[in-house]
């Protein structure tokens, strides 16, 4: 059996989004709200500028959809499941998305400050130009994922389980990694100032860092480097 690439598989979407059912503004918001309320899956939708700030969308299920410029700030998305979906320039800040699922999804220019994805499962996930400061991924699973030019400053990554994760120009400043093993994770293209771990710092053992980062992490051990 051929070994698969460590890069995430892209969403299975039609080229140029041809054939998607296009909905915009209030109409797009109404469709999403109705789908969540009925417990039905939405498929093949192009949703633009839907504003669902603070709405209850628990259990929402979407497949093969594109969301552009949508606002789901503070929305309830508990156990929501998205497969083969593209999020572009959306705002998910403060959304309660714990125990959810993201399979073959891509975020482009997404803002998700303080979004709660605790316990969620993310597989074949990619994020570029994301503002995910304060994101909660505690207890989540992240597999075959790439985070590029993305800020996770102050994120809660405690207990995160990961496999085949690539971090390229990611900001992990002040992030908490308590209980999450970073063994084998390449952090050389990341900012890690203020990274916090458990008292024994066992989470950091085996992480790949450059000399400057190594000196910074050594200070966590109380070493005086001169």
N, C-alpha and C. Protein backbone atom coordinates (compact mmCIF):
# COMPACT_ATOMS: atom_id res chain seq x y z
N UNK A 1 0.85 -1.20 0.00
CA UNK A 1 0.00 0.00 0.00
C UNK A 1 0.88 1.25 0.00
N UNK A 2 0.60 2.18 -0.92
CA UNK A 2 1.39 3.41 -1.02
C UNK A 2 1.16 4.28 0.20
N UNK A 3 2.26 4.86 0.66
CA UNK A 3 2.16 5.76 1.82
C UNK A 3 1.65 7.11 1.36
N UNK A 4 0.65 7.64 2.02
CA UNK A 4 0.06 8.90 1.59
C UNK A 4 0.94 10.07 1.99
N UNK A 5 0.79 11.17 1.27
CA UNK A 5 1.53 12.39 1.57
C UNK A 5 1.10 12.93 2.92
N UNK A 6 2.05 13.61 3.59
CA UNK A 6 1.71 14.21 4.88
C UNK A 6 0.89 15.47 4.72
N UNK A 7 0.76 15.97 3.46
CA UNK A 7 -0.03 17.18 3.23
C UNK A 7 -1.52 16.86 3.28
N UNK A 8 -2.32 17.80 3.74
CA UNK A 8 -3.77 17.54 3.81
C UNK A 8 -4.40 17.43 2.43
N UNK A 9 -5.34 16.52 2.30
CA UNK A 9 -6.10 16.40 1.06
C UNK A 9 -7.02 17.61 0.94
N UNK A 10 -7.15 18.19 -0.24
CA UNK A 10 -8.01 19.37 -0.42
C UNK A 10 -9.49 18.99 -0.41
N UNK A 11 -10.36 19.97 -0.17
CA UNK A 11 -11.80 19.69 -0.24
C UNK A 11 -12.20 19.21 -1.63
N UNK A 12 -13.11 18.27 -1.68
CA UNK A 12 -13.61 17.79 -2.97
C UNK A 12 -14.73 18.71 -3.42
N UNK A 13 -14.34 19.76 -4.14
CA UNK A 13 -15.30 20.76 -4.63
C UNK A 13 -15.17 20.90 -6.14
N UNK A 14 -16.26 21.23 -6.83
CA UNK A 14 -16.19 21.41 -8.28
C UNK A 14 -15.32 22.62 -8.64
N UNK A 15 -14.63 22.54 -9.75
CA UNK A 15 -13.78 23.66 -10.18
C UNK A 15 -14.62 24.91 -10.38
N UNK A 16 -14.09 26.04 -9.89
CA UNK A 16 -14.80 27.33 -9.99
C UNK A 16 -16.18 27.28 -9.33
N UNK A 17 -16.36 26.29 -8.45
CA UNK A 17 -17.63 26.16 -7.70
C UNK A 17 -18.84 26.03 -8.63
N UNK A 18 -18.60 25.53 -9.84
CA UNK A 18 -19.71 25.37 -10.79
C UNK A 18 -20.71 24.35 -10.26
N UNK A 19 -21.97 24.67 -10.44
CA UNK A 19 -23.03 23.75 -10.04
C UNK A 19 -23.48 23.88 -8.61
N UNK A 20 -22.83 24.74 -7.81
CA UNK A 20 -23.26 24.93 -6.44
C UNK A 20 -24.49 25.83 -6.40
N UNK A 21 -25.37 25.55 -5.48
CA UNK A 21 -26.57 26.36 -5.28
C UNK A 21 -26.17 27.63 -4.54
N UNK A 22 -26.30 28.80 -5.19
CA UNK A 22 -25.78 30.05 -4.64
C UNK A 22 -26.85 30.80 -3.84
N UNK A 23 -26.49 31.08 -2.59
CA UNK A 23 -27.38 31.82 -1.69
C UNK A 23 -26.58 32.95 -1.05
N UNK A 24 -27.25 34.09 -0.84
CA UNK A 24 -26.53 35.24 -0.32
C UNK A 24 -27.31 35.95 0.77
N UNK A 25 -26.56 36.53 1.73
CA UNK A 25 -27.16 37.36 2.77
C UNK A 25 -28.21 36.64 3.59
N UNK A 26 -29.35 37.29 3.82
CA UNK A 26 -30.40 36.70 4.66
C UNK A 26 -30.88 35.34 4.16
N UNK A 27 -30.90 35.15 2.84
CA UNK A 27 -31.34 33.87 2.29
C UNK A 27 -30.37 32.75 2.67
N UNK A 28 -29.07 33.05 2.62
CA UNK A 28 -28.07 32.06 3.00
C UNK A 28 -28.16 31.76 4.50
N UNK A 29 -28.36 32.80 5.31
CA UNK A 29 -28.48 32.60 6.75
C UNK A 29 -29.71 31.76 7.09
N UNK A 30 -30.81 32.04 6.41
CA UNK A 30 -32.05 31.30 6.66
C UNK A 30 -31.88 29.82 6.32
N UNK A 31 -31.14 29.52 5.23
CA UNK A 31 -30.95 28.12 4.84
C UNK A 31 -30.13 27.39 5.91
N UNK A 32 -29.06 28.00 6.39
CA UNK A 32 -28.24 27.36 7.41
C UNK A 32 -29.02 27.15 8.70
N UNK A 33 -29.78 28.14 9.09
CA UNK A 33 -30.56 28.04 10.32
C UNK A 33 -31.60 26.92 10.20
N UNK A 34 -32.24 26.83 9.02
CA UNK A 34 -33.25 25.79 8.81
C UNK A 34 -32.64 24.40 8.81
N UNK A 35 -31.47 24.26 8.19
CA UNK A 35 -30.80 22.96 8.16
C UNK A 35 -30.45 22.49 9.56
N UNK A 36 -29.92 23.40 10.38
CA UNK A 36 -29.56 23.03 11.74
C UNK A 36 -30.79 22.64 12.54
N UNK A 37 -31.87 23.41 12.38
CA UNK A 37 -33.09 23.13 13.13
C UNK A 37 -33.74 21.81 12.75
N UNK A 38 -33.62 21.43 11.46
CA UNK A 38 -34.24 20.19 10.98
C UNK A 38 -33.32 18.99 11.12
N UNK A 39 -32.05 19.23 11.46
CA UNK A 39 -31.11 18.14 11.57
C UNK A 39 -30.79 17.50 10.24
N UNK A 40 -30.87 18.29 9.15
CA UNK A 40 -30.61 17.79 7.81
C UNK A 40 -29.23 18.25 7.33
N UNK A 41 -28.67 17.48 6.39
CA UNK A 41 -27.38 17.85 5.83
C UNK A 41 -27.56 18.80 4.66
N UNK A 42 -26.75 19.84 4.63
CA UNK A 42 -26.72 20.75 3.50
C UNK A 42 -25.56 20.37 2.60
N UNK A 43 -25.79 20.27 1.30
CA UNK A 43 -24.75 19.85 0.37
C UNK A 43 -24.79 20.69 -0.89
N UNK A 44 -23.60 20.96 -1.45
CA UNK A 44 -23.52 21.67 -2.72
C UNK A 44 -24.00 23.11 -2.66
N UNK A 45 -23.65 23.82 -1.59
CA UNK A 45 -24.12 25.20 -1.42
C UNK A 45 -22.95 26.18 -1.48
N UNK A 46 -23.17 27.32 -2.11
CA UNK A 46 -22.25 28.45 -2.06
C UNK A 46 -22.96 29.54 -1.27
N UNK A 47 -22.48 29.78 -0.06
CA UNK A 47 -23.15 30.68 0.88
C UNK A 47 -22.30 31.93 1.08
N UNK A 48 -22.88 33.09 0.78
CA UNK A 48 -22.13 34.33 0.86
C UNK A 48 -22.80 35.31 1.82
N UNK A 49 -21.94 35.91 2.68
CA UNK A 49 -22.33 37.00 3.57
C UNK A 49 -23.54 36.65 4.45
N UNK A 50 -23.60 35.42 4.90
CA UNK A 50 -24.64 35.04 5.87
C UNK A 50 -24.23 35.52 7.26
N UNK A 51 -25.12 36.17 7.97
CA UNK A 51 -24.83 36.65 9.33
C UNK A 51 -25.66 35.83 10.32
N UNK A 52 -24.96 34.98 11.06
CA UNK A 52 -25.61 34.12 12.04
C UNK A 52 -25.00 34.34 13.42
N UNK A 53 -24.68 35.59 13.69
CA UNK A 53 -24.06 35.95 14.96
C UNK A 53 -24.93 35.50 16.14
N UNK A 54 -24.34 34.70 17.02
CA UNK A 54 -25.02 34.27 18.23
C UNK A 54 -26.12 33.25 18.04
N UNK A 55 -26.32 32.76 16.83
CA UNK A 55 -27.42 31.81 16.58
C UNK A 55 -27.06 30.39 17.04
N UNK A 56 -28.09 29.61 17.33
CA UNK A 56 -27.91 28.21 17.74
C UNK A 56 -27.92 27.34 16.48
N UNK A 57 -26.75 26.83 16.14
CA UNK A 57 -26.61 25.97 14.97
C UNK A 57 -26.05 24.60 15.38
N UNK A 58 -26.32 24.20 16.60
CA UNK A 58 -25.79 22.94 17.10
C UNK A 58 -26.17 21.79 16.17
N UNK A 59 -25.18 20.94 15.87
CA UNK A 59 -25.43 19.78 15.04
C UNK A 59 -25.51 20.06 13.56
N UNK A 60 -25.20 21.30 13.13
CA UNK A 60 -25.25 21.62 11.71
C UNK A 60 -24.30 20.71 10.93
N UNK A 61 -24.76 20.19 9.80
CA UNK A 61 -23.95 19.30 8.97
C UNK A 61 -23.92 19.82 7.54
N UNK A 62 -22.71 20.08 7.02
CA UNK A 62 -22.54 20.56 5.65
C UNK A 62 -21.51 19.70 4.94
N UNK A 63 -21.72 19.48 3.65
CA UNK A 63 -20.79 18.71 2.83
C UNK A 63 -20.68 19.36 1.45
N UNK A 64 -19.45 19.52 0.97
CA UNK A 64 -19.24 20.08 -0.36
C UNK A 64 -19.76 21.49 -0.50
N UNK A 65 -19.51 22.34 0.51
CA UNK A 65 -20.04 23.71 0.52
C UNK A 65 -18.91 24.74 0.60
N UNK A 66 -19.20 25.95 0.13
CA UNK A 66 -18.29 27.08 0.22
C UNK A 66 -18.98 28.18 1.01
N UNK A 67 -18.29 28.70 2.03
CA UNK A 67 -18.80 29.81 2.82
C UNK A 67 -17.87 30.99 2.62
N UNK A 68 -18.38 32.12 2.12
CA UNK A 68 -17.58 33.30 1.85
C UNK A 68 -18.14 34.50 2.61
N UNK A 69 -17.28 35.13 3.40
CA UNK A 69 -17.68 36.34 4.10
C UNK A 69 -18.81 36.14 5.09
N UNK A 70 -18.93 34.94 5.62
CA UNK A 70 -20.02 34.66 6.58
C UNK A 70 -19.58 34.98 8.01
N UNK A 71 -20.55 35.42 8.82
CA UNK A 71 -20.28 35.73 10.23
C UNK A 71 -21.02 34.73 11.11
N UNK A 72 -20.23 33.98 11.87
CA UNK A 72 -20.79 33.04 12.84
C UNK A 72 -20.23 33.33 14.23
N UNK A 73 -19.99 34.61 14.50
CA UNK A 73 -19.41 35.00 15.77
C UNK A 73 -20.35 34.64 16.92
N UNK A 74 -19.79 33.93 17.90
CA UNK A 74 -20.57 33.55 19.08
C UNK A 74 -21.65 32.52 18.79
N UNK A 75 -21.64 31.92 17.62
CA UNK A 75 -22.68 30.95 17.28
C UNK A 75 -22.47 29.63 18.01
N UNK A 76 -23.55 28.92 18.26
CA UNK A 76 -23.47 27.59 18.85
C UNK A 76 -23.32 26.56 17.74
N UNK A 77 -22.18 25.89 17.70
CA UNK A 77 -21.92 24.89 16.66
C UNK A 77 -21.51 23.56 17.29
N UNK A 78 -22.04 23.28 18.46
CA UNK A 78 -21.67 22.05 19.15
C UNK A 78 -21.98 20.83 18.28
N UNK A 79 -20.99 19.96 18.16
CA UNK A 79 -21.11 18.72 17.39
C UNK A 79 -21.42 18.98 15.92
N UNK A 80 -21.17 20.18 15.43
CA UNK A 80 -21.37 20.47 14.00
C UNK A 80 -20.31 19.75 13.17
N UNK A 81 -20.71 19.28 12.00
CA UNK A 81 -19.82 18.49 11.15
C UNK A 81 -19.74 19.11 9.75
N UNK A 82 -18.51 19.38 9.30
CA UNK A 82 -18.28 19.95 7.98
C UNK A 82 -17.31 19.05 7.21
N UNK A 83 -17.68 18.66 6.00
CA UNK A 83 -16.85 17.80 5.16
C UNK A 83 -16.70 18.44 3.78
N UNK A 84 -15.46 18.47 3.28
CA UNK A 84 -15.20 19.04 1.95
C UNK A 84 -15.75 20.46 1.83
N UNK A 85 -15.41 21.30 2.80
CA UNK A 85 -15.92 22.68 2.80
C UNK A 85 -14.77 23.68 2.78
N UNK A 86 -15.01 24.81 2.12
CA UNK A 86 -14.06 25.91 2.06
C UNK A 86 -14.66 27.11 2.76
N UNK A 87 -13.91 27.65 3.73
CA UNK A 87 -14.29 28.88 4.43
C UNK A 87 -13.35 29.98 3.94
N UNK A 88 -13.90 31.06 3.40
CA UNK A 88 -13.07 32.15 2.89
C UNK A 88 -13.53 33.47 3.51
N UNK A 89 -12.61 34.13 4.22
CA UNK A 89 -12.88 35.43 4.83
C UNK A 89 -14.10 35.38 5.75
N UNK A 90 -14.24 34.32 6.50
CA UNK A 90 -15.35 34.19 7.45
C UNK A 90 -14.90 34.58 8.85
N UNK A 91 -15.84 34.94 9.71
CA UNK A 91 -15.55 35.29 11.10
C UNK A 91 -16.23 34.28 12.02
N UNK A 92 -15.42 33.46 12.68
CA UNK A 92 -15.92 32.43 13.59
C UNK A 92 -15.56 32.76 15.04
N UNK A 93 -15.21 33.99 15.31
CA UNK A 93 -14.76 34.37 16.65
C UNK A 93 -15.81 34.04 17.70
N UNK A 94 -15.35 33.39 18.77
CA UNK A 94 -16.23 33.08 19.89
C UNK A 94 -17.22 31.97 19.63
N UNK A 95 -17.17 31.34 18.46
CA UNK A 95 -18.10 30.25 18.17
C UNK A 95 -17.83 29.06 19.08
N UNK A 96 -18.89 28.43 19.55
CA UNK A 96 -18.77 27.26 20.42
C UNK A 96 -18.91 26.00 19.56
N UNK A 97 -17.76 25.49 19.11
CA UNK A 97 -17.74 24.42 18.13
C UNK A 97 -17.15 23.14 18.73
N UNK A 98 -17.24 22.99 20.03
CA UNK A 98 -16.57 21.84 20.64
C UNK A 98 -17.24 20.52 20.26
N UNK A 99 -16.41 19.47 20.24
CA UNK A 99 -16.83 18.12 19.84
C UNK A 99 -17.32 18.09 18.39
N UNK A 100 -16.88 19.04 17.59
CA UNK A 100 -17.28 19.09 16.19
C UNK A 100 -16.32 18.31 15.30
N UNK A 101 -16.52 18.42 13.99
CA UNK A 101 -15.71 17.68 13.04
C UNK A 101 -15.46 18.52 11.79
N UNK A 102 -14.19 18.54 11.35
CA UNK A 102 -13.80 19.21 10.12
C UNK A 102 -12.98 18.21 9.31
N UNK A 103 -13.53 17.72 8.22
CA UNK A 103 -12.86 16.71 7.40
C UNK A 103 -12.66 17.27 5.98
N UNK A 104 -11.43 17.30 5.55
CA UNK A 104 -11.06 17.87 4.24
C UNK A 104 -11.64 19.28 4.08
N UNK A 105 -11.33 20.11 5.05
CA UNK A 105 -11.79 21.50 5.02
C UNK A 105 -10.59 22.44 4.94
N UNK A 106 -10.84 23.61 4.36
CA UNK A 106 -9.79 24.62 4.23
C UNK A 106 -10.32 25.97 4.68
N UNK A 107 -9.50 26.68 5.50
CA UNK A 107 -9.83 28.03 5.94
C UNK A 107 -8.86 28.99 5.25
N UNK A 108 -9.38 30.01 4.60
CA UNK A 108 -8.57 31.04 3.96
C UNK A 108 -8.96 32.40 4.51
N UNK A 109 -8.01 33.07 5.17
CA UNK A 109 -8.28 34.39 5.72
C UNK A 109 -9.38 34.39 6.76
N UNK A 110 -9.49 33.31 7.50
CA UNK A 110 -10.55 33.19 8.52
C UNK A 110 -10.11 33.84 9.83
N UNK A 111 -11.05 34.51 10.46
CA UNK A 111 -10.85 35.07 11.79
C UNK A 111 -11.64 34.21 12.77
N UNK A 112 -10.93 33.65 13.76
CA UNK A 112 -11.60 32.76 14.72
C UNK A 112 -11.03 33.00 16.11
N UNK A 113 -11.06 34.25 16.54
CA UNK A 113 -10.52 34.61 17.85
C UNK A 113 -11.35 33.95 18.96
N UNK A 114 -10.69 33.16 19.80
CA UNK A 114 -11.40 32.55 20.92
C UNK A 114 -12.41 31.50 20.53
N UNK A 115 -12.36 31.02 19.30
CA UNK A 115 -13.28 29.95 18.88
C UNK A 115 -12.99 28.69 19.68
N UNK A 116 -14.04 28.00 20.09
CA UNK A 116 -13.89 26.83 20.95
C UNK A 116 -14.06 25.54 20.14
N UNK A 117 -12.92 24.92 19.81
CA UNK A 117 -12.92 23.65 19.10
C UNK A 117 -12.42 22.52 20.01
N UNK A 118 -12.62 22.67 21.30
CA UNK A 118 -12.18 21.66 22.25
C UNK A 118 -12.82 20.31 21.92
N UNK A 119 -11.99 19.27 21.92
CA UNK A 119 -12.50 17.93 21.67
C UNK A 119 -12.90 17.65 20.24
N UNK A 120 -12.65 18.61 19.33
CA UNK A 120 -13.05 18.43 17.93
C UNK A 120 -12.07 17.52 17.19
N UNK A 121 -12.51 17.03 16.05
CA UNK A 121 -11.66 16.20 15.19
C UNK A 121 -11.45 16.94 13.88
N UNK A 122 -10.18 17.24 13.58
CA UNK A 122 -9.82 17.93 12.34
C UNK A 122 -8.87 17.03 11.56
N UNK A 123 -9.30 16.59 10.40
CA UNK A 123 -8.46 15.73 9.56
C UNK A 123 -8.43 16.29 8.15
N UNK A 124 -7.22 16.28 7.55
CA UNK A 124 -7.03 16.88 6.24
C UNK A 124 -7.53 18.32 6.26
N UNK A 125 -6.95 19.09 7.18
CA UNK A 125 -7.37 20.47 7.44
C UNK A 125 -6.23 21.42 7.09
N UNK A 126 -6.54 22.52 6.41
CA UNK A 126 -5.54 23.53 6.06
C UNK A 126 -6.07 24.91 6.40
N UNK A 127 -5.17 25.75 6.91
CA UNK A 127 -5.53 27.13 7.22
C UNK A 127 -4.40 28.04 6.76
N UNK A 128 -4.73 29.05 5.95
CA UNK A 128 -3.76 30.05 5.51
C UNK A 128 -4.26 31.44 5.88
N UNK A 129 -3.33 32.28 6.31
CA UNK A 129 -3.65 33.68 6.66
C UNK A 129 -4.77 33.74 7.70
N UNK A 130 -4.70 32.87 8.68
CA UNK A 130 -5.74 32.84 9.70
C UNK A 130 -5.39 33.66 10.94
N UNK A 131 -6.39 34.22 11.56
CA UNK A 131 -6.23 34.92 12.85
C UNK A 131 -6.99 34.09 13.89
N UNK A 132 -6.26 33.17 14.52
CA UNK A 132 -6.87 32.22 15.43
C UNK A 132 -6.40 32.43 16.86
N UNK A 133 -6.07 33.66 17.22
CA UNK A 133 -5.60 33.94 18.57
C UNK A 133 -6.63 33.49 19.60
N UNK A 134 -6.13 32.81 20.64
CA UNK A 134 -7.02 32.36 21.70
C UNK A 134 -7.87 31.16 21.32
N UNK A 135 -7.60 30.54 20.18
CA UNK A 135 -8.35 29.37 19.75
C UNK A 135 -8.22 28.25 20.78
N UNK A 136 -9.30 27.54 21.03
CA UNK A 136 -9.26 26.39 21.95
C UNK A 136 -9.27 25.10 21.14
N UNK A 137 -8.15 24.36 21.26
CA UNK A 137 -8.05 23.04 20.65
C UNK A 137 -7.71 22.00 21.71
N UNK A 138 -8.02 22.31 22.96
CA UNK A 138 -7.68 21.38 24.03
C UNK A 138 -8.45 20.07 23.87
N UNK A 139 -7.69 18.98 23.91
CA UNK A 139 -8.30 17.67 23.77
C UNK A 139 -8.74 17.33 22.36
N UNK A 140 -8.37 18.16 21.39
CA UNK A 140 -8.78 17.92 20.00
C UNK A 140 -7.79 16.99 19.30
N UNK A 141 -8.20 16.49 18.14
CA UNK A 141 -7.33 15.68 17.31
C UNK A 141 -7.09 16.39 15.99
N UNK A 142 -5.81 16.54 15.62
CA UNK A 142 -5.43 17.28 14.40
C UNK A 142 -4.53 16.38 13.57
N UNK A 143 -5.01 15.93 12.42
CA UNK A 143 -4.29 14.94 11.63
C UNK A 143 -4.24 15.35 10.16
N UNK A 144 -3.05 15.24 9.59
CA UNK A 144 -2.82 15.67 8.21
C UNK A 144 -3.30 17.12 8.06
N UNK A 145 -2.57 18.02 8.69
CA UNK A 145 -2.98 19.43 8.73
C UNK A 145 -1.80 20.34 8.42
N UNK A 146 -2.11 21.49 7.87
CA UNK A 146 -1.10 22.51 7.58
C UNK A 146 -1.65 23.87 7.98
N UNK A 147 -0.89 24.58 8.82
CA UNK A 147 -1.24 25.93 9.24
C UNK A 147 -0.15 26.86 8.74
N UNK A 148 -0.53 27.78 7.86
CA UNK A 148 0.45 28.63 7.21
C UNK A 148 0.09 30.10 7.37
N UNK A 149 1.11 30.92 7.74
CA UNK A 149 0.90 32.35 7.93
C UNK A 149 -0.31 32.59 8.82
N UNK A 150 -0.34 31.87 9.93
CA UNK A 150 -1.50 31.88 10.82
C UNK A 150 -1.07 32.16 12.25
N UNK A 151 -1.84 33.00 12.93
CA UNK A 151 -1.55 33.32 14.33
C UNK A 151 -2.42 32.49 15.28
N UNK A 152 -1.73 31.81 16.20
CA UNK A 152 -2.40 31.05 17.26
C UNK A 152 -1.94 31.57 18.61
N UNK A 153 -1.63 32.87 18.67
CA UNK A 153 -1.13 33.46 19.91
C UNK A 153 -2.14 33.25 21.04
N UNK A 154 -1.63 32.74 22.17
CA UNK A 154 -2.49 32.53 23.33
C UNK A 154 -3.46 31.38 23.18
N UNK A 155 -3.27 30.53 22.18
CA UNK A 155 -4.19 29.41 21.97
C UNK A 155 -4.03 28.36 23.06
N UNK A 156 -5.10 27.64 23.33
CA UNK A 156 -5.07 26.53 24.29
C UNK A 156 -4.95 25.23 23.50
N UNK A 157 -3.75 24.64 23.53
CA UNK A 157 -3.49 23.40 22.81
C UNK A 157 -3.23 22.25 23.79
N UNK A 158 -3.68 22.41 25.01
CA UNK A 158 -3.42 21.39 26.02
C UNK A 158 -4.10 20.08 25.65
N UNK A 159 -3.33 19.00 25.73
CA UNK A 159 -3.88 17.69 25.41
C UNK A 159 -4.14 17.46 23.94
N UNK A 160 -3.65 18.36 23.08
CA UNK A 160 -3.86 18.20 21.64
C UNK A 160 -3.18 16.93 21.14
N UNK A 161 -3.89 16.15 20.34
CA UNK A 161 -3.32 14.96 19.69
C UNK A 161 -3.13 15.29 18.21
N UNK A 162 -1.92 15.08 17.69
CA UNK A 162 -1.66 15.47 16.32
C UNK A 162 -0.87 14.39 15.58
N UNK A 163 -0.98 14.43 14.27
CA UNK A 163 -0.21 13.54 13.40
C UNK A 163 -0.07 14.21 12.04
N UNK A 164 1.14 14.20 11.49
CA UNK A 164 1.39 14.81 10.18
C UNK A 164 0.92 16.26 10.16
N UNK A 165 1.46 17.05 11.09
CA UNK A 165 1.12 18.47 11.22
C UNK A 165 2.29 19.31 10.72
N UNK A 166 2.00 20.28 9.83
CA UNK A 166 3.01 21.19 9.31
C UNK A 166 2.66 22.61 9.75
N UNK A 167 3.64 23.28 10.37
CA UNK A 167 3.47 24.66 10.80
C UNK A 167 4.45 25.52 10.03
N UNK A 168 3.95 26.44 9.24
CA UNK A 168 4.79 27.29 8.39
C UNK A 168 4.42 28.75 8.64
N UNK A 169 5.34 29.48 9.28
CA UNK A 169 5.09 30.88 9.65
C UNK A 169 3.85 30.96 10.55
N UNK A 170 3.87 30.17 11.61
CA UNK A 170 2.77 30.17 12.58
C UNK A 170 3.24 30.85 13.86
N UNK A 171 2.35 31.61 14.47
CA UNK A 171 2.66 32.31 15.71
C UNK A 171 2.03 31.56 16.87
N UNK A 172 2.88 30.94 17.70
CA UNK A 172 2.41 30.20 18.87
C UNK A 172 2.76 30.95 20.16
N UNK A 173 3.00 32.23 20.06
CA UNK A 173 3.38 33.02 21.23
C UNK A 173 2.33 32.90 22.33
N UNK A 174 2.79 32.52 23.52
CA UNK A 174 1.89 32.45 24.65
C UNK A 174 0.92 31.30 24.62
N UNK A 175 1.08 30.38 23.67
CA UNK A 175 0.17 29.23 23.59
C UNK A 175 0.46 28.25 24.72
N UNK A 176 -0.57 27.54 25.15
CA UNK A 176 -0.43 26.54 26.21
C UNK A 176 -0.43 25.15 25.57
N UNK A 177 0.63 24.37 25.83
CA UNK A 177 0.74 23.03 25.26
C UNK A 177 0.79 21.96 26.35
N UNK A 178 0.33 22.30 27.52
CA UNK A 178 0.36 21.34 28.62
C UNK A 178 -0.35 20.04 28.23
N UNK A 179 0.36 18.93 28.43
CA UNK A 179 -0.25 17.63 28.15
C UNK A 179 -0.27 17.25 26.68
N UNK A 180 0.35 18.07 25.83
CA UNK A 180 0.40 17.77 24.39
C UNK A 180 1.84 17.51 24.00
N UNK A 181 2.20 16.32 23.61
CA UNK A 181 3.56 16.01 23.23
C UNK A 181 3.90 16.66 21.88
N UNK A 182 5.02 17.41 21.84
CA UNK A 182 5.47 18.04 20.61
C UNK A 182 6.62 17.27 19.97
N UNK A 183 6.85 16.06 20.41
CA UNK A 183 7.95 15.26 19.87
C UNK A 183 7.80 15.09 18.36
N UNK A 184 8.86 15.49 17.64
CA UNK A 184 8.87 15.36 16.19
C UNK A 184 8.23 16.53 15.45
N UNK A 185 7.65 17.48 16.17
CA UNK A 185 6.99 18.61 15.52
C UNK A 185 8.03 19.68 15.19
N UNK A 186 8.07 20.12 13.95
CA UNK A 186 9.04 21.12 13.51
C UNK A 186 8.52 22.52 13.81
N UNK A 187 9.19 23.19 14.73
CA UNK A 187 8.77 24.53 15.16
C UNK A 187 9.69 25.62 14.62
N UNK A 188 10.58 25.27 13.73
CA UNK A 188 11.61 26.23 13.32
C UNK A 188 11.06 27.43 12.58
N UNK A 189 9.90 27.31 11.98
CA UNK A 189 9.29 28.46 11.30
C UNK A 189 8.12 29.02 12.10
N UNK A 190 8.22 28.89 13.41
CA UNK A 190 7.17 29.38 14.31
C UNK A 190 7.74 30.38 15.31
N UNK A 191 6.89 31.23 15.81
CA UNK A 191 7.24 32.09 16.94
C UNK A 191 6.70 31.41 18.20
N UNK A 192 7.59 31.19 19.17
CA UNK A 192 7.21 30.40 20.35
C UNK A 192 7.49 31.13 21.66
N UNK A 193 7.69 32.44 21.60
CA UNK A 193 7.96 33.18 22.84
C UNK A 193 6.77 33.06 23.78
N UNK A 194 7.07 32.80 25.06
CA UNK A 194 6.01 32.70 26.06
C UNK A 194 5.24 31.41 26.02
N UNK A 195 5.71 30.44 25.25
CA UNK A 195 5.05 29.13 25.21
C UNK A 195 5.03 28.53 26.61
N UNK A 196 3.89 27.99 27.01
CA UNK A 196 3.78 27.44 28.36
C UNK A 196 3.51 25.94 28.29
N UNK A 197 4.16 25.21 29.21
CA UNK A 197 4.02 23.76 29.28
C UNK A 197 3.93 23.37 30.75
N UNK A 198 3.88 22.06 31.01
CA UNK A 198 3.81 21.58 32.38
C UNK A 198 5.11 21.83 33.12
N UNK A 199 5.09 21.61 34.43
CA UNK A 199 6.27 21.89 35.26
C UNK A 199 7.51 21.13 34.80
N UNK A 200 7.34 19.91 34.30
CA UNK A 200 8.49 19.11 33.88
C UNK A 200 8.93 19.41 32.46
N UNK A 201 8.14 20.16 31.74
CA UNK A 201 8.42 20.52 30.34
C UNK A 201 8.55 19.29 29.44
N UNK A 202 7.97 18.18 29.85
CA UNK A 202 8.07 16.97 29.04
C UNK A 202 7.39 17.14 27.68
N UNK A 203 6.44 18.06 27.59
CA UNK A 203 5.75 18.29 26.32
C UNK A 203 6.71 18.73 25.22
N UNK A 204 7.82 19.38 25.60
CA UNK A 204 8.74 19.95 24.63
C UNK A 204 9.83 18.99 24.20
N UNK A 205 9.93 17.84 24.84
CA UNK A 205 10.99 16.89 24.50
C UNK A 205 10.82 16.36 23.08
N UNK A 206 11.90 16.44 22.30
CA UNK A 206 11.87 15.91 20.94
C UNK A 206 11.32 16.87 19.91
N UNK A 207 10.90 18.08 20.32
CA UNK A 207 10.46 19.07 19.34
C UNK A 207 11.66 19.56 18.54
N UNK A 208 11.44 19.90 17.28
CA UNK A 208 12.52 20.36 16.40
C UNK A 208 12.56 21.89 16.43
N UNK A 209 13.68 22.45 16.90
CA UNK A 209 13.80 23.90 17.03
C UNK A 209 15.16 24.34 16.49
N UNK A 210 15.28 25.65 16.24
CA UNK A 210 16.58 26.18 15.81
C UNK A 210 17.36 26.65 17.05
N UNK A 211 18.64 27.02 16.90
CA UNK A 211 19.44 27.39 18.07
C UNK A 211 18.86 28.55 18.88
N UNK A 212 18.30 29.55 18.20
CA UNK A 212 17.74 30.68 18.93
C UNK A 212 16.53 30.24 19.76
N UNK A 213 15.69 29.40 19.16
CA UNK A 213 14.53 28.90 19.91
C UNK A 213 14.98 28.01 21.07
N UNK A 214 16.04 27.24 20.85
CA UNK A 214 16.54 26.37 21.92
C UNK A 214 16.98 27.20 23.12
N UNK A 215 17.64 28.32 22.84
CA UNK A 215 18.06 29.19 23.92
C UNK A 215 16.86 29.78 24.65
N UNK A 216 15.83 30.10 23.91
CA UNK A 216 14.62 30.65 24.52
C UNK A 216 13.94 29.61 25.40
N UNK A 217 13.85 28.37 24.91
CA UNK A 217 13.21 27.32 25.69
C UNK A 217 14.05 26.96 26.92
N UNK A 218 15.38 27.12 26.79
CA UNK A 218 16.25 26.82 27.93
C UNK A 218 15.93 27.71 29.13
N UNK A 219 15.46 28.90 28.85
CA UNK A 219 15.12 29.81 29.95
C UNK A 219 13.96 29.26 30.78
N UNK A 220 13.11 28.44 30.16
CA UNK A 220 12.02 27.82 30.90
C UNK A 220 12.57 26.86 31.94
N UNK A 221 13.80 26.34 31.70
CA UNK A 221 14.44 25.44 32.64
C UNK A 221 15.23 26.19 33.69
N UNK A 222 15.21 27.51 33.59
CA UNK A 222 15.93 28.31 34.57
C UNK A 222 17.40 28.46 34.27
N UNK A 223 17.81 28.13 33.02
CA UNK A 223 19.21 28.25 32.66
C UNK A 223 19.54 29.70 32.34
N UNK A 224 20.76 30.11 32.72
CA UNK A 224 21.24 31.45 32.44
C UNK A 224 22.22 31.35 31.28
N UNK A 225 21.76 31.68 30.07
CA UNK A 225 22.60 31.55 28.89
C UNK A 225 23.28 32.88 28.59
N UNK A 226 24.61 32.83 28.48
CA UNK A 226 25.37 34.07 28.26
C UNK A 226 26.27 33.93 27.03
